[in-house]
């Protein structure tokens, strides 16, 4: 009941936050948009700030809201010894409001609205230092991601994003600066419950003129890289995630701050799937290099909520996979699985539409699709045996999922027998969540794992 209330309130909270924050832009003295090194991904699929190559299924909308609290992230320009890990001199509370939408196969786009909500700067430190003179929206960020190649276990793609500064008097960009463009190549690979990701690219800046009286030259181009590793704990529906993200200048320059002009930060956190569409994040981080806007400590929390598909193309309920496993949701295409001649050994997979949510009751429309499969199996030369396998995702207990998968396999078996198949040659087996074919750590992988498989011998 509480979770359902949270899901109903989430879009209301997003709209309220947007109305309060988006009209206001932040103003800065000595610190700019680069203070937001923590940038959660728009699609919320696999990691926290590191992109995987996977894109949202066409029609799916992901909404995310993150809060992070950073200590000792603002630079000093006179006394380099005022910040220590146990001596808090400044703190920032920032937020990220993210949206992403699956446009077509292997392609998504998104928008982000990062903001500084509050700051605290130690007034006892009499040095020239960075701070915000006004909180609010720091930039607008648009992104698009394309997947060039991949399946359920691995992939390769690219992310292009543009940052439009909303901070007045941003010394890192200078006056009259243009947008910042970021291009990254992204890749990922799964090894059972483990997954790794790697992003690398360049940040192309169009710097403006140096602000008068400020000892900072506007930043030029930078190289950017990040990596992530995760481990899924199915019994807890939780991923443990570790990440490192870094940047360094493409050209060396004079830097007068107590900080380096390169950055690196480490994060360790968790992503817990509350249900099939709602995920909760929490974690902490620290600087690896004492760079611009890298905090001594950071803690974060966030939520991702996916809805849809808001549109869908006509898909067959069944996909014919022969003896090969289904590797991607996109394999569930509109191609007719029953075209062509029957083979001696065949396999079919049914999409997650045969049943009502969390029930073993067949959807009335599923009978029409099952009738097509029955007619296909009765074509000459007929069939010797049919095994119906029920599979679930990892959300829920092992016992519950095993029981649900068995009941679903039995329901399909009864329906197909009633449609004319000989009962002695049809068997139903429930495997629960023990045989996943995709990553249970994100909603798209779980959708793929919720399936019914049909193994035919002729």
Protein backbone atom coordinates (compact mmCIF):
# COMPACT_ATOMS: atom_id res chain seq x y z
CA UNK A 1 0.00 0.00 0.00
CA UNK A 2 2.81 2.42 0.90
CA UNK A 3 4.69 1.60 -2.32
CA UNK A 4 1.56 2.22 -4.40
CA UNK A 5 1.12 5.61 -2.70
CA UNK A 6 4.76 6.49 -3.45
CA UNK A 7 4.27 5.60 -7.12
CA UNK A 8 1.16 7.79 -7.33
CA UNK A 9 2.92 10.68 -5.58
CA UNK A 10 6.16 10.48 -7.55
CA UNK A 11 4.98 12.39 -10.66
CA UNK A 12 3.34 14.98 -8.40
CA UNK A 13 6.61 15.48 -6.53
CA UNK A 14 8.49 15.83 -9.83
CA UNK A 15 6.08 18.48 -11.07
CA UNK A 16 6.24 20.35 -7.77
CA UNK A 17 10.03 20.28 -7.78
CA UNK A 18 10.13 21.47 -11.39
CA UNK A 19 7.83 24.38 -10.57
CA UNK A 20 9.97 25.47 -7.65
CA UNK A 21 13.47 25.06 -9.10
CA UNK A 22 13.38 25.37 -12.88
CA UNK A 23 12.42 29.08 -13.04
CA UNK A 24 15.53 30.03 -11.07
CA UNK A 25 19.14 29.97 -12.26
CA UNK A 26 22.09 29.81 -9.93
CA UNK A 27 24.67 32.55 -9.68
CA UNK A 28 28.24 31.74 -8.79
CA UNK A 29 31.32 33.41 -7.49
CA UNK A 30 34.42 31.39 -8.42
CA UNK A 31 32.56 28.09 -8.85
CA UNK A 32 30.58 26.90 -11.84
CA UNK A 33 28.62 23.99 -13.26
CA UNK A 34 31.63 21.73 -12.95
CA UNK A 35 30.88 21.42 -9.27
CA UNK A 36 28.30 18.80 -10.32
CA UNK A 37 30.65 15.91 -11.04
CA UNK A 38 27.91 13.54 -9.87
CA UNK A 39 25.59 13.03 -12.87
CA UNK A 40 23.16 10.06 -12.62
CA UNK A 41 22.25 8.43 -15.92
CA UNK A 42 18.94 9.37 -17.51
CA UNK A 43 17.66 5.85 -18.20
CA UNK A 44 18.47 4.31 -14.79
CA UNK A 45 19.15 0.96 -16.38
CA UNK A 46 22.29 -0.55 -14.89
CA UNK A 47 24.67 1.68 -12.91
CA UNK A 48 24.53 5.10 -11.22
CA UNK A 49 26.58 7.63 -13.24
CA UNK A 50 28.18 5.22 -15.74
CA UNK A 51 26.27 4.46 -18.93
CA UNK A 52 25.67 0.93 -20.15
CA UNK A 53 25.15 0.33 -23.86
CA UNK A 54 21.57 -0.81 -23.27
CA UNK A 55 18.84 1.60 -24.32
CA UNK A 56 15.24 1.89 -23.22
CA UNK A 57 12.72 -0.24 -25.07
CA UNK A 58 10.74 1.93 -27.52
CA UNK A 59 7.89 3.63 -25.71
CA UNK A 60 9.29 3.32 -22.19
CA UNK A 61 9.71 6.49 -20.10
CA UNK A 62 12.09 6.59 -17.13
CA UNK A 63 11.91 9.37 -14.55
CA UNK A 64 14.61 9.80 -11.93
CA UNK A 65 15.19 12.13 -9.00
CA UNK A 66 18.46 12.16 -7.06
CA UNK A 67 19.75 14.14 -4.08
CA UNK A 68 23.39 14.33 -3.10
CA UNK A 69 25.21 15.97 -0.19
CA UNK A 70 28.85 16.90 -0.83
CA UNK A 71 31.33 18.09 1.80
CA UNK A 72 34.45 20.17 1.01
CA UNK A 73 33.89 20.42 -2.73
CA UNK A 74 34.33 24.20 -3.19
CA UNK A 75 37.82 25.43 -4.13
CA UNK A 76 40.13 27.78 -2.18
CA UNK A 77 42.48 30.20 -3.90
CA UNK A 78 44.68 31.52 -1.12
CA UNK A 79 44.99 29.13 1.81
CA UNK A 80 45.35 25.55 0.58
CA UNK A 81 45.29 24.00 4.03
CA UNK A 82 41.79 24.81 5.21
CA UNK A 83 40.02 21.67 3.95
CA UNK A 84 40.55 18.28 5.55
CA UNK A 85 38.43 15.14 5.59
CA UNK A 86 37.58 15.68 9.25
CA UNK A 87 37.29 19.48 9.00
CA UNK A 88 34.14 20.44 7.11
CA UNK A 89 34.52 23.91 5.57
CA UNK A 90 31.68 23.81 3.05
CA UNK A 91 28.80 21.63 1.97
CA UNK A 92 26.34 21.51 -0.92
CA UNK A 93 22.99 19.80 -1.36
CA UNK A 94 22.31 19.25 -5.06
CA UNK A 95 19.64 17.49 -7.06
CA UNK A 96 19.17 15.90 -10.47
CA UNK A 97 15.80 15.55 -12.17
CA UNK A 98 16.15 13.18 -15.12
CA UNK A 99 13.96 11.92 -17.95
CA UNK A 100 14.70 9.41 -20.70
CA UNK A 101 12.53 7.93 -23.42
CA UNK A 102 13.00 4.96 -25.74
CA UNK A 103 12.48 6.21 -29.28
CA UNK A 104 13.21 3.13 -31.36
CA UNK A 105 15.32 0.01 -31.21
CA UNK A 106 18.77 0.92 -29.87
CA UNK A 107 18.02 4.63 -29.52
CA UNK A 108 16.91 6.78 -26.59
CA UNK A 109 16.97 10.47 -25.65
CA UNK A 110 16.72 12.34 -22.40
CA UNK A 111 16.78 15.62 -20.46
CA UNK A 112 18.37 16.50 -17.11
CA UNK A 113 17.81 19.42 -14.78
CA UNK A 114 20.63 19.59 -12.21
CA UNK A 115 20.31 22.18 -9.44
CA UNK A 116 21.98 23.40 -6.26
CA UNK A 117 19.39 23.43 -3.49
CA UNK A 118 21.45 24.77 -0.59
CA UNK A 119 25.01 25.49 0.50
CA UNK A 120 26.91 26.11 3.70
CA UNK A 121 30.29 27.86 3.65
CA UNK A 122 32.44 28.37 6.74
CA UNK A 123 32.49 32.14 7.27
CA UNK A 124 35.45 31.93 9.65
CA UNK A 125 37.83 31.13 6.77
CA UNK A 126 39.09 34.47 5.45
CA UNK A 127 40.29 33.33 2.04
CA UNK A 128 39.28 33.84 -1.57
CA UNK A 129 37.10 30.84 -2.26
CA UNK A 130 34.28 29.50 -4.37
CA UNK A 131 30.63 29.67 -3.46
CA UNK A 132 27.21 30.20 -5.02
CA UNK A 133 25.65 33.60 -4.50
CA UNK A 134 22.26 32.13 -5.41
CA UNK A 135 20.99 28.57 -5.55
CA UNK A 136 18.87 27.12 -8.35
CA UNK A 137 19.19 25.44 -11.72
CA UNK A 138 22.84 25.11 -12.80
CA UNK A 139 22.43 23.85 -16.35
CA UNK A 140 20.16 22.14 -18.85
CA UNK A 141 21.48 18.88 -20.24
CA UNK A 142 20.12 17.01 -23.24
CA UNK A 143 21.42 13.58 -24.23
CA UNK A 144 20.93 10.81 -26.72
CA UNK A 145 22.31 7.28 -26.69
CA UNK A 146 22.62 4.84 -29.57
CA UNK A 147 23.52 1.17 -29.34
CA UNK A 148 25.53 -0.06 -32.30
CA UNK A 149 25.84 -3.70 -31.32
CA UNK A 150 24.90 -5.98 -28.43
CA UNK A 151 22.68 -8.53 -26.80
CA UNK A 152 21.42 -9.25 -23.27
CA UNK A 153 24.96 -9.85 -21.94
CA UNK A 154 27.11 -7.23 -23.66
CA UNK A 155 27.05 -4.27 -25.96
CA UNK A 156 28.71 -1.21 -27.44
CA UNK A 157 27.34 2.25 -28.19
CA UNK A 158 27.80 6.01 -27.89
CA UNK A 159 26.35 8.87 -25.86
CA UNK A 160 26.17 12.46 -27.07
CA UNK A 161 25.12 15.18 -24.65
CA UNK A 162 25.09 18.97 -24.53
CA UNK A 163 25.27 21.16 -21.42
CA UNK A 164 23.69 24.62 -21.55
CA UNK A 165 24.96 26.72 -18.67
CA UNK A 166 22.38 28.42 -16.44
CA UNK A 167 24.85 29.93 -13.96
CA UNK A 168 25.49 33.64 -14.06
CA UNK A 169 29.13 34.73 -13.71
CA UNK A 170 30.44 31.20 -14.24
CA UNK A 171 34.24 31.55 -14.06
CA UNK A 172 34.91 28.07 -15.42
CA UNK A 173 33.16 29.03 -18.67
CA UNK A 174 33.72 32.79 -18.83
CA UNK A 175 31.51 35.45 -20.33
CA UNK A 176 29.96 34.74 -23.70
CA UNK A 177 30.65 30.99 -23.55
CA UNK A 178 28.79 28.57 -25.78
CA UNK A 179 27.34 25.14 -24.97
CA UNK A 180 29.54 22.25 -23.87
CA UNK A 181 29.36 19.05 -25.93
CA UNK A 182 30.25 15.62 -24.53
CA UNK A 183 30.91 12.56 -26.66
CA UNK A 184 31.45 9.16 -25.02
CA UNK A 185 31.88 5.62 -26.25
CA UNK A 186 30.20 3.16 -23.90
CA UNK A 187 30.49 -0.59 -23.42
CA UNK A 188 29.36 -3.18 -20.92
CA UNK A 189 29.63 -6.93 -20.25
CA UNK A 190 27.85 -9.28 -17.84
CA UNK A 191 29.41 -12.34 -16.20
CA UNK A 192 26.50 -14.03 -14.47
CA UNK A 193 25.63 -11.84 -11.48
CA UNK A 194 28.58 -9.53 -12.17
CA UNK A 195 28.51 -6.69 -14.70
CA UNK A 196 31.09 -4.12 -15.75
CA UNK A 197 30.82 -0.91 -17.73
CA UNK A 198 33.30 1.48 -19.30
CA UNK A 199 32.80 5.00 -20.72
CA UNK A 200 35.47 7.14 -22.39
CA UNK A 201 35.30 10.32 -24.42
CA UNK A 202 35.89 14.03 -24.69
CA UNK A 203 34.21 17.20 -23.42
CA UNK A 204 34.33 19.98 -26.00
CA UNK A 205 34.00 23.46 -24.56
CA UNK A 206 33.46 26.85 -26.15
CA UNK A 207 34.96 29.07 -23.42
CA UNK A 208 34.29 32.77 -23.12
CA UNK A 209 36.34 35.67 -21.80
CA UNK A 210 37.95 35.54 -18.36
CA UNK A 211 35.87 37.21 -15.65
CA UNK A 212 37.57 40.37 -14.38
CA UNK A 213 39.01 40.12 -10.87
CA UNK A 214 38.69 36.31 -10.77
CA UNK A 215 41.95 34.26 -10.79
CA UNK A 216 40.53 31.53 -13.06
CA UNK A 217 41.06 30.95 -16.74
CA UNK A 218 37.96 29.42 -18.38
CA UNK A 219 38.30 25.68 -18.85
CA UNK A 220 39.13 24.23 -22.24
CA UNK A 221 38.49 20.77 -23.65
CA UNK A 222 38.72 17.78 -21.31
CA UNK A 223 39.00 14.04 -21.60
CA UNK A 224 36.43 12.11 -19.55
CA UNK A 225 36.32 8.48 -18.49
CA UNK A 226 34.41 6.34 -16.01
CA UNK A 227 34.08 2.69 -15.09
CA UNK A 228 31.65 0.65 -13.02
CA UNK A 229 31.24 -2.84 -11.60
CA UNK A 230 28.12 -4.32 -10.06
CA UNK A 231 27.04 -7.51 -8.33
CA UNK A 232 23.41 -8.63 -8.21
CA UNK A 233 22.03 -10.23 -5.03
CA UNK A 234 18.82 -11.83 -6.35
CA UNK A 235 17.43 -12.77 -2.94
CA UNK A 236 17.46 -9.09 -1.98
CA UNK A 237 16.55 -7.71 -5.44
CA UNK A 238 19.58 -5.47 -4.98
CA UNK A 239 22.70 -4.52 -6.93
CA UNK A 240 25.90 -3.42 -5.22
CA UNK A 241 27.60 -0.87 -7.49
CA UNK A 242 31.13 0.60 -7.44
CA UNK A 243 32.15 3.40 -9.80
CA UNK A 244 35.05 5.69 -10.59
CA UNK A 245 34.61 8.76 -12.80
CA UNK A 246 37.36 11.16 -13.83
CA UNK A 247 38.29 14.05 -16.11
CA UNK A 248 41.55 15.75 -17.10
CA UNK A 249 42.44 18.67 -19.37
CA UNK A 250 43.27 18.04 -23.00
CA UNK A 251 45.86 20.83 -22.77
CA UNK A 252 47.89 21.76 -19.69
CA UNK A 253 47.15 25.16 -18.18
CA UNK A 254 48.01 27.29 -15.21
CA UNK A 255 45.76 26.63 -12.25
CA UNK A 256 45.90 28.78 -9.11
CA UNK A 257 43.52 26.84 -6.86
CA UNK A 258 44.51 24.45 -4.07
CA UNK A 259 42.96 21.78 -6.31
CA UNK A 260 44.16 19.95 -9.40
CA UNK A 261 42.59 20.71 -12.77
CA UNK A 262 41.93 16.97 -13.12
CA UNK A 263 39.36 15.07 -11.07
CA UNK A 264 38.59 11.54 -9.97
CA UNK A 265 35.90 10.31 -7.60
CA UNK A 266 34.93 6.90 -6.22
CA UNK A 267 31.36 5.82 -5.44
CA UNK A 268 30.01 2.76 -3.67
CA UNK A 269 26.27 2.25 -3.50
CA UNK A 270 23.27 0.01 -3.94
CA UNK A 271 20.26 -0.13 -6.19
CA UNK A 272 17.21 -1.88 -4.72
CA UNK A 273 14.25 -2.84 -6.88
CA UNK A 274 11.17 -2.07 -4.82
CA UNK A 275 8.99 -3.61 -7.49
CA UNK A 276 9.07 -4.15 -11.25
CA UNK A 277 9.02 -0.44 -12.10
CA UNK A 278 10.42 1.38 -9.05
CA UNK A 279 14.09 1.34 -7.96
CA UNK A 280 15.78 3.02 -4.99
CA UNK A 281 19.44 4.15 -4.92
CA UNK A 282 21.70 5.06 -2.01
CA UNK A 283 25.46 5.29 -1.56
CA UNK A 284 28.52 7.34 -0.73
CA UNK A 285 31.71 8.53 -2.39
CA UNK A 286 35.00 10.30 -1.91
CA UNK A 287 37.65 12.01 -4.02
CA UNK A 288 40.49 9.99 -5.48
CA UNK A 289 42.23 13.13 -6.76
CA UNK A 290 41.86 16.48 -4.99
CA UNK A 291 40.47 18.05 -8.13
CA UNK A 292 38.03 20.78 -9.03
CA UNK A 293 34.74 20.22 -7.21
CA UNK A 294 35.71 16.71 -6.03
CA UNK A 295 34.32 16.38 -2.49
CA UNK A 296 36.04 14.88 0.50
CA UNK A 297 32.76 13.04 1.10
CA UNK A 298 29.54 12.57 -0.81
CA UNK A 299 26.33 10.74 0.06
CA UNK A 300 23.48 10.32 -2.38
CA UNK A 301 20.03 8.84 -2.68
CA UNK A 302 17.62 8.61 -5.55
CA UNK A 303 14.71 6.89 -7.19
CA UNK A 304 13.93 5.73 -10.74
CA UNK A 305 10.40 5.07 -11.93
CA UNK A 306 9.64 3.60 -15.36
CA UNK A 307 6.24 3.66 -17.04
CA UNK A 308 4.95 2.45 -20.38
CA UNK A 309 5.34 1.56 -23.07
CA UNK A 310 3.51 4.75 -23.99
CA UNK A 311 3.33 3.45 -27.53
CA UNK A 312 3.97 0.00 -28.94
CA UNK A 313 4.24 -1.61 -32.29
CA UNK A 314 2.25 -4.79 -33.01
CA UNK A 315 4.36 -7.67 -31.76
CA UNK A 316 3.76 -11.37 -31.93
CA UNK A 317 3.12 -12.99 -28.56
CA UNK A 318 5.56 -15.75 -29.57
CA UNK A 319 9.08 -15.60 -30.89
CA UNK A 320 10.69 -18.59 -32.57
CA UNK A 321 14.22 -19.14 -31.28
CA UNK A 322 14.91 -22.72 -32.37
CA UNK A 323 17.71 -23.94 -30.10
CA UNK A 324 19.17 -20.46 -29.51
CA UNK A 325 18.34 -18.43 -26.40
CA UNK A 326 16.51 -15.14 -26.66
CA UNK A 327 19.15 -12.39 -26.36
CA UNK A 328 17.20 -9.14 -26.50
CA UNK A 329 13.73 -7.73 -26.03
CA UNK A 330 14.01 -6.58 -29.62
CA UNK A 331 14.03 -10.21 -30.72
CA UNK A 332 10.34 -10.16 -29.86
CA UNK A 333 9.52 -8.71 -33.24
CA UNK A 334 6.52 -8.71 -35.52
CA UNK A 335 7.85 -11.61 -37.63
CA UNK A 336 5.48 -14.55 -37.90
CA UNK A 337 6.97 -17.32 -35.69
CA UNK A 338 4.88 -20.02 -37.38
CA UNK A 339 5.95 -19.32 -40.95
CA UNK A 340 7.96 -21.99 -42.73
CA UNK A 341 8.16 -25.73 -42.30
CA UNK A 342 8.24 -27.48 -38.88
CA UNK A 343 11.65 -28.74 -37.75
CA UNK A 344 12.62 -31.77 -35.67
CA UNK A 345 13.52 -29.67 -32.60
CA UNK A 346 12.08 -26.21 -32.02
CA UNK A 347 11.74 -23.66 -29.24
CA UNK A 348 9.35 -20.75 -28.78
CA UNK A 349 9.24 -18.06 -26.15
CA UNK A 350 6.10 -16.16 -25.18
CA UNK A 351 6.31 -12.52 -24.16
CA UNK A 352 5.18 -11.41 -20.72
CA UNK A 353 1.57 -10.88 -21.85
CA UNK A 354 0.00 -14.30 -21.34
CA UNK A 355 -0.98 -13.62 -17.73
CA UNK A 356 -2.41 -10.98 -15.49
CA UNK A 357 0.16 -9.30 -13.23
CA UNK A 358 1.50 -11.71 -10.56
CA UNK A 359 -1.25 -14.25 -11.36
CA UNK A 360 -1.52 -17.61 -13.09
CA UNK A 361 -4.76 -16.63 -14.81
CA UNK A 362 -4.40 -16.55 -18.58
CA UNK A 363 -5.24 -13.33 -20.33
CA UNK A 364 -8.27 -13.96 -22.60
CA UNK A 365 -6.28 -12.70 -25.61
CA UNK A 366 -3.61 -15.31 -24.87
CA UNK A 367 -5.98 -18.13 -25.89
CA UNK A 368 -5.98 -16.83 -29.47
CA UNK A 369 -2.17 -16.97 -29.59
CA UNK A 370 -2.05 -20.40 -27.96
CA UNK A 371 -4.54 -21.65 -30.54
CA UNK A 372 -2.11 -20.59 -33.31
CA UNK A 373 0.68 -22.56 -31.61
CA UNK A 374 -1.58 -25.61 -31.23
CA UNK A 375 -2.49 -25.48 -34.91
CA UNK A 376 1.19 -25.24 -35.82
CA UNK A 377 2.11 -28.25 -33.65
CA UNK A 378 -0.61 -30.35 -35.28
CA UNK A 379 0.81 -29.82 -38.76
CA UNK A 380 2.40 -32.94 -40.29
CA UNK A 381 4.44 -34.66 -39.04
CA UNK A 382 2.86 -33.69 -35.70
CA UNK A 383 4.95 -33.73 -32.51
CA UNK A 384 6.28 -36.32 -30.04
CA UNK A 385 6.54 -34.14 -26.96
CA UNK A 386 6.04 -30.58 -25.74
CA UNK A 387 7.60 -29.19 -22.56
CA UNK A 388 6.14 -25.92 -21.26
CA UNK A 389 8.57 -24.06 -18.99
CA UNK A 390 7.47 -21.28 -16.66
CA UNK A 391 10.09 -18.65 -15.72
CA UNK A 392 9.97 -15.54 -13.53
CA UNK A 393 12.26 -12.64 -12.69
CA UNK A 394 14.02 -12.43 -9.31
CA UNK A 395 11.57 -10.04 -7.62
CA UNK A 396 9.96 -11.93 -4.75
CA UNK A 397 10.98 -14.96 -2.74
CA UNK A 398 12.42 -18.11 -4.29
CA UNK A 399 9.48 -20.22 -3.08
CA UNK A 400 6.88 -17.76 -4.36
CA UNK A 401 8.49 -17.50 -7.81
CA UNK A 402 8.90 -21.28 -8.10
CA UNK A 403 5.25 -21.79 -7.21
CA UNK A 404 4.06 -19.02 -9.57
CA UNK A 405 6.08 -20.37 -12.49
CA UNK A 406 4.71 -23.89 -11.94
CA UNK A 407 1.13 -22.66 -11.75
CA UNK A 408 1.62 -20.66 -14.95
CA UNK A 409 3.12 -23.63 -16.78
CA UNK A 410 0.19 -25.77 -15.62
CA UNK A 411 -2.33 -23.13 -16.76
CA UNK A 412 -0.82 -23.04 -20.23
CA UNK A 413 -0.74 -26.85 -20.38
CA UNK A 414 -4.44 -27.10 -19.46
CA UNK A 415 -5.39 -24.52 -22.05
CA UNK A 416 -3.43 -26.25 -24.82
CA UNK A 417 -4.90 -29.64 -23.93
CA UNK A 418 -8.38 -28.12 -24.04
CA UNK A 419 -7.49 -26.74 -27.47
CA UNK A 420 -6.81 -30.25 -28.74
CA UNK A 421 -3.30 -31.41 -27.82
CA UNK A 422 -2.95 -34.93 -26.33
CA UNK A 423 -2.36 -34.54 -22.58
CA UNK A 424 0.13 -37.45 -22.41
CA UNK A 425 2.59 -35.63 -24.66
CA UNK A 426 2.45 -32.24 -22.90
CA UNK A 427 4.32 -31.49 -19.67
CA UNK A 428 4.60 -28.29 -17.58
CA UNK A 429 7.65 -27.39 -15.45
CA UNK A 430 8.19 -24.31 -13.30
CA UNK A 431 11.76 -23.04 -12.86
CA UNK A 432 11.05 -19.82 -10.98
CA UNK A 433 13.93 -17.35 -11.29
CA UNK A 434 16.64 -20.02 -11.51
CA UNK A 435 17.23 -19.71 -15.28
CA UNK A 436 17.49 -16.03 -16.20
CA UNK A 437 18.39 -15.08 -19.77
CA UNK A 438 18.96 -11.39 -18.97
CA UNK A 439 20.07 -9.09 -16.17
CA UNK A 440 17.58 -9.13 -13.29
CA UNK A 441 19.21 -5.91 -12.09
CA UNK A 442 17.10 -3.67 -14.36
CA UNK A 443 13.45 -3.58 -15.37
CA UNK A 444 14.07 -4.53 -19.01
CA UNK A 445 16.06 -7.61 -18.08
CA UNK A 446 13.36 -8.66 -15.63
CA UNK A 447 10.74 -8.25 -18.36
CA UNK A 448 12.73 -10.61 -20.56
CA UNK A 449 13.11 -13.17 -17.77
CA UNK A 450 9.35 -13.29 -17.17
CA UNK A 451 8.52 -15.73 -19.93
CA UNK A 452 7.07 -19.07 -20.92
CA UNK A 453 9.22 -21.33 -23.10
CA UNK A 454 7.92 -24.13 -25.33
CA UNK A 455 10.34 -26.95 -26.25
CA UNK A 456 9.10 -29.14 -29.11
CA UNK A 457 10.35 -32.56 -30.24
CA UNK A 458 8.96 -34.07 -33.44
